[in-house]
Amino acid sequence: MNEAFTEKIRDSLISHLDIDDNTLARMTDDTIIFNTGDDRPNLGLDSIDSLELVTMIFELFGYEVPAEDVKKLYSVNAIAAYLNEHGINE
């Protein structure tokens, strides 16, 4: 995967979702970013944050994520893969 593209997604997530330093210290590109309701470690972001994520993707890439696809956007790498599948790989 294109590292510059992944870095752009990571940096945008950090700024758009106001991820604090403590959370950032635990974050990798494979870290689950939303609370999934199970015991898997995650950053604990909520449904409001998922709306921010969808808005961020639209602003950055001009792609409108369908509501049914939001759950596919669970990590930086998952977001990059999803966007690649839809022809976006800036």
N, C-alpha and C. Protein backbone atom coordinates (compact mmCIF):
# COMPACT_ATOMS: atom_id res chain seq x y z
N MET A 1 0.85 -1.18 0.00
CA MET A 1 0.00 0.00 0.00
C MET A 1 0.89 1.24 0.00
N ASN A 2 0.41 2.29 -0.59
CA ASN A 2 1.15 3.54 -0.71
C ASN A 2 1.30 4.20 0.67
N GLU A 3 2.53 4.28 1.15
CA GLU A 3 2.79 4.82 2.50
C GLU A 3 2.37 6.28 2.62
N ALA A 4 2.58 7.08 1.57
CA ALA A 4 2.18 8.50 1.62
C ALA A 4 0.66 8.62 1.75
N PHE A 5 -0.07 7.75 1.08
CA PHE A 5 -1.53 7.75 1.15
C PHE A 5 -1.98 7.37 2.56
N THR A 6 -1.38 6.33 3.10
CA THR A 6 -1.71 5.90 4.46
C THR A 6 -1.37 7.00 5.47
N GLU A 7 -0.24 7.65 5.28
CA GLU A 7 0.17 8.74 6.18
C GLU A 7 -0.82 9.91 6.10
N LYS A 8 -1.30 10.21 4.91
CA LYS A 8 -2.28 11.29 4.74
C LYS A 8 -3.56 10.96 5.51
N ILE A 9 -3.99 9.71 5.44
CA ILE A 9 -5.19 9.28 6.17
C ILE A 9 -4.94 9.38 7.67
N ARG A 10 -3.81 8.86 8.14
CA ARG A 10 -3.47 8.88 9.56
C ARG A 10 -3.43 10.32 10.09
N ASP A 11 -2.71 11.19 9.39
CA ASP A 11 -2.59 12.58 9.83
C ASP A 11 -3.94 13.29 9.83
N SER A 12 -4.76 13.01 8.84
CA SER A 12 -6.09 13.62 8.77
C SER A 12 -6.98 13.13 9.90
N LEU A 13 -6.90 11.84 10.21
CA LEU A 13 -7.67 11.30 11.34
C LEU A 13 -7.28 12.00 12.64
N ILE A 14 -6.00 12.12 12.84
CA ILE A 14 -5.50 12.74 14.08
C ILE A 14 -6.02 14.16 14.21
N SER A 15 -5.97 14.93 13.14
CA SER A 15 -6.40 16.32 13.22
C SER A 15 -7.92 16.47 13.22
N HIS A 16 -8.63 15.71 12.38
CA HIS A 16 -10.09 15.85 12.31
C HIS A 16 -10.81 15.31 13.55
N LEU A 17 -10.25 14.26 14.14
CA LEU A 17 -10.92 13.65 15.28
C LEU A 17 -10.31 14.08 16.61
N ASP A 18 -9.39 15.06 16.56
CA ASP A 18 -8.77 15.58 17.78
C ASP A 18 -8.26 14.47 18.69
N ILE A 19 -7.49 13.56 18.13
CA ILE A 19 -6.93 12.46 18.90
C ILE A 19 -5.83 13.00 19.81
N ASP A 20 -5.96 12.75 21.10
CA ASP A 20 -4.99 13.29 22.07
C ASP A 20 -3.69 12.47 22.08
N ASP A 21 -2.68 13.00 22.74
CA ASP A 21 -1.35 12.38 22.75
C ASP A 21 -1.36 10.99 23.38
N ASN A 22 -2.14 10.79 24.43
CA ASN A 22 -2.21 9.47 25.08
C ASN A 22 -2.79 8.43 24.14
N THR A 23 -3.84 8.80 23.44
CA THR A 23 -4.46 7.90 22.48
C THR A 23 -3.52 7.66 21.31
N LEU A 24 -2.90 8.72 20.84
CA LEU A 24 -1.97 8.62 19.72
C LEU A 24 -0.81 7.68 20.03
N ALA A 25 -0.37 7.66 21.26
CA ALA A 25 0.74 6.79 21.66
C ALA A 25 0.37 5.31 21.51
N ARG A 26 -0.91 4.97 21.60
CA ARG A 26 -1.38 3.58 21.47
C ARG A 26 -1.76 3.22 20.05
N MET A 27 -1.74 4.17 19.14
CA MET A 27 -2.30 3.99 17.80
C MET A 27 -1.25 3.50 16.80
N THR A 28 -1.62 2.44 16.09
CA THR A 28 -0.86 1.99 14.92
C THR A 28 -1.83 2.04 13.74
N ASP A 29 -1.34 1.74 12.56
CA ASP A 29 -2.23 1.77 11.39
C ASP A 29 -3.24 0.63 11.40
N ASP A 30 -3.04 -0.36 12.27
CA ASP A 30 -3.99 -1.48 12.38
C ASP A 30 -4.87 -1.39 13.63
N THR A 31 -4.67 -0.39 14.46
CA THR A 31 -5.47 -0.23 15.67
C THR A 31 -6.93 0.04 15.30
N ILE A 32 -7.83 -0.68 15.95
CA ILE A 32 -9.26 -0.45 15.75
C ILE A 32 -9.58 0.90 16.39
N ILE A 33 -10.19 1.79 15.61
CA ILE A 33 -10.37 3.14 16.10
C ILE A 33 -11.70 3.36 16.82
N PHE A 34 -12.71 2.53 16.53
CA PHE A 34 -14.02 2.71 17.15
C PHE A 34 -14.28 1.63 18.18
N ASN A 35 -15.04 1.99 19.20
CA ASN A 35 -15.46 1.03 20.20
C ASN A 35 -16.43 0.07 19.53
N THR A 36 -16.04 -1.20 19.45
CA THR A 36 -16.85 -2.19 18.75
C THR A 36 -17.81 -2.93 19.67
N GLY A 37 -17.76 -2.61 20.97
CA GLY A 37 -18.67 -3.24 21.92
C GLY A 37 -18.21 -4.60 22.38
N ASP A 38 -17.06 -5.04 21.94
CA ASP A 38 -16.52 -6.31 22.43
C ASP A 38 -15.22 -6.02 23.19
N ASP A 39 -14.45 -7.03 23.46
CA ASP A 39 -13.25 -6.85 24.28
C ASP A 39 -12.00 -6.50 23.49
N ARG A 40 -12.13 -6.31 22.18
CA ARG A 40 -10.94 -6.00 21.39
C ARG A 40 -10.44 -4.60 21.74
N PRO A 41 -9.13 -4.46 21.88
CA PRO A 41 -8.57 -3.13 22.17
C PRO A 41 -8.90 -2.15 21.04
N ASN A 42 -9.25 -0.94 21.43
CA ASN A 42 -9.59 0.07 20.43
C ASN A 42 -9.35 1.45 21.04
N LEU A 43 -9.46 2.46 20.19
CA LEU A 43 -9.24 3.83 20.65
C LEU A 43 -10.47 4.44 21.31
N GLY A 44 -11.61 3.77 21.23
CA GLY A 44 -12.79 4.22 21.94
C GLY A 44 -13.55 5.36 21.28
N LEU A 45 -13.30 5.60 20.01
CA LEU A 45 -14.05 6.66 19.33
C LEU A 45 -15.50 6.21 19.15
N ASP A 46 -16.41 7.17 19.04
CA ASP A 46 -17.83 6.85 19.04
C ASP A 46 -18.51 7.18 17.70
N SER A 47 -19.84 7.11 17.69
CA SER A 47 -20.61 7.32 16.47
C SER A 47 -20.47 8.75 15.94
N ILE A 48 -20.31 9.71 16.81
CA ILE A 48 -20.09 11.10 16.37
C ILE A 48 -18.76 11.16 15.61
N ASP A 49 -17.76 10.48 16.13
CA ASP A 49 -16.47 10.44 15.46
C ASP A 49 -16.57 9.75 14.10
N SER A 50 -17.44 8.75 13.98
CA SER A 50 -17.59 8.08 12.68
C SER A 50 -18.20 9.04 11.65
N LEU A 51 -19.08 9.92 12.10
CA LEU A 51 -19.62 10.93 11.18
C LEU A 51 -18.53 11.91 10.76
N GLU A 52 -17.67 12.26 11.70
CA GLU A 52 -16.52 13.12 11.39
C GLU A 52 -15.61 12.44 10.37
N LEU A 53 -15.42 11.14 10.54
CA LEU A 53 -14.58 10.37 9.61
C LEU A 53 -15.15 10.40 8.20
N VAL A 54 -16.44 10.17 8.07
CA VAL A 54 -17.10 10.19 6.76
C VAL A 54 -16.98 11.57 6.13
N THR A 55 -17.16 12.61 6.93
CA THR A 55 -17.02 13.99 6.45
C THR A 55 -15.59 14.25 6.00
N MET A 56 -14.63 13.76 6.76
CA MET A 56 -13.22 13.93 6.42
C MET A 56 -12.91 13.28 5.08
N ILE A 57 -13.40 12.07 4.87
CA ILE A 57 -13.16 11.37 3.61
C ILE A 57 -13.76 12.13 2.45
N PHE A 58 -14.96 12.67 2.63
CA PHE A 58 -15.58 13.45 1.56
C PHE A 58 -14.78 14.71 1.26
N GLU A 59 -14.35 15.40 2.31
CA GLU A 59 -13.58 16.64 2.12
C GLU A 59 -12.23 16.39 1.46
N LEU A 60 -11.56 15.31 1.85
CA LEU A 60 -10.22 15.02 1.32
C LEU A 60 -10.24 14.40 -0.06
N PHE A 61 -11.19 13.50 -0.28
CA PHE A 61 -11.16 12.69 -1.50
C PHE A 61 -12.38 12.82 -2.38
N GLY A 62 -13.39 13.57 -1.92
CA GLY A 62 -14.59 13.75 -2.71
C GLY A 62 -15.43 12.49 -2.84
N TYR A 63 -15.25 11.55 -1.92
CA TYR A 63 -16.00 10.29 -1.96
C TYR A 63 -16.98 10.24 -0.82
N GLU A 64 -18.24 9.96 -1.14
CA GLU A 64 -19.28 9.86 -0.12
C GLU A 64 -19.44 8.40 0.28
N VAL A 65 -19.09 8.09 1.52
CA VAL A 65 -19.16 6.72 2.03
C VAL A 65 -20.62 6.39 2.35
N PRO A 66 -21.16 5.33 1.75
CA PRO A 66 -22.52 4.91 2.09
C PRO A 66 -22.60 4.49 3.56
N ALA A 67 -23.73 4.75 4.18
CA ALA A 67 -23.91 4.43 5.61
C ALA A 67 -23.59 2.98 5.93
N GLU A 68 -23.94 2.07 5.04
CA GLU A 68 -23.70 0.65 5.30
C GLU A 68 -22.21 0.27 5.25
N ASP A 69 -21.37 1.16 4.75
CA ASP A 69 -19.93 0.87 4.65
C ASP A 69 -19.11 1.45 5.81
N VAL A 70 -19.70 2.24 6.66
CA VAL A 70 -18.95 2.91 7.73
C VAL A 70 -18.23 1.89 8.61
N LYS A 71 -18.84 0.75 8.88
CA LYS A 71 -18.21 -0.26 9.74
C LYS A 71 -16.94 -0.84 9.11
N LYS A 72 -16.76 -0.68 7.82
CA LYS A 72 -15.56 -1.17 7.14
C LYS A 72 -14.36 -0.26 7.40
N LEU A 73 -14.60 0.91 7.96
CA LEU A 73 -13.56 1.91 8.17
C LEU A 73 -13.06 1.86 9.62
N TYR A 74 -12.53 0.71 10.03
CA TYR A 74 -12.22 0.49 11.43
C TYR A 74 -10.77 0.75 11.83
N SER A 75 -9.89 1.00 10.86
CA SER A 75 -8.48 1.32 11.17
C SER A 75 -7.92 2.14 10.02
N VAL A 76 -6.75 2.70 10.20
CA VAL A 76 -6.12 3.48 9.13
C VAL A 76 -5.92 2.59 7.90
N ASN A 77 -5.39 1.38 8.11
CA ASN A 77 -5.17 0.48 6.97
C ASN A 77 -6.48 0.04 6.32
N ALA A 78 -7.51 -0.16 7.12
CA ALA A 78 -8.81 -0.54 6.55
C ALA A 78 -9.40 0.62 5.72
N ILE A 79 -9.22 1.83 6.18
CA ILE A 79 -9.70 3.00 5.44
C ILE A 79 -8.96 3.10 4.12
N ALA A 80 -7.63 2.95 4.16
CA ALA A 80 -6.83 3.02 2.93
C ALA A 80 -7.23 1.93 1.95
N ALA A 81 -7.42 0.71 2.44
CA ALA A 81 -7.83 -0.40 1.57
C ALA A 81 -9.21 -0.14 0.98
N TYR A 82 -10.13 0.34 1.80
CA TYR A 82 -11.49 0.65 1.32
C TYR A 82 -11.44 1.69 0.20
N LEU A 83 -10.69 2.75 0.43
CA LEU A 83 -10.59 3.80 -0.58
C LEU A 83 -9.91 3.29 -1.85
N ASN A 84 -8.89 2.47 -1.70
CA ASN A 84 -8.24 1.86 -2.87
C ASN A 84 -9.23 1.03 -3.68
N GLU A 85 -10.07 0.28 -3.00
CA GLU A 85 -11.09 -0.54 -3.67
C GLU A 85 -12.05 0.33 -4.48
N HIS A 86 -12.20 1.58 -4.07
CA HIS A 86 -13.12 2.49 -4.75
C HIS A 86 -12.37 3.46 -5.67
N GLY A 87 -11.13 3.10 -6.01
CA GLY A 87 -10.37 3.87 -6.99
C GLY A 87 -9.70 5.13 -6.47
N ILE A 88 -9.60 5.25 -5.16
CA ILE A 88 -8.99 6.44 -4.57
C ILE A 88 -7.66 6.01 -3.94
N ASN A 89 -6.57 6.57 -4.42
CA ASN A 89 -5.26 6.22 -3.87
C ASN A 89 -4.28 7.37 -4.01
N GLU A 90 -4.75 8.56 -3.71
CA GLU A 90 -3.92 9.76 -3.82
C GLU A 90 -2.70 9.68 -2.96
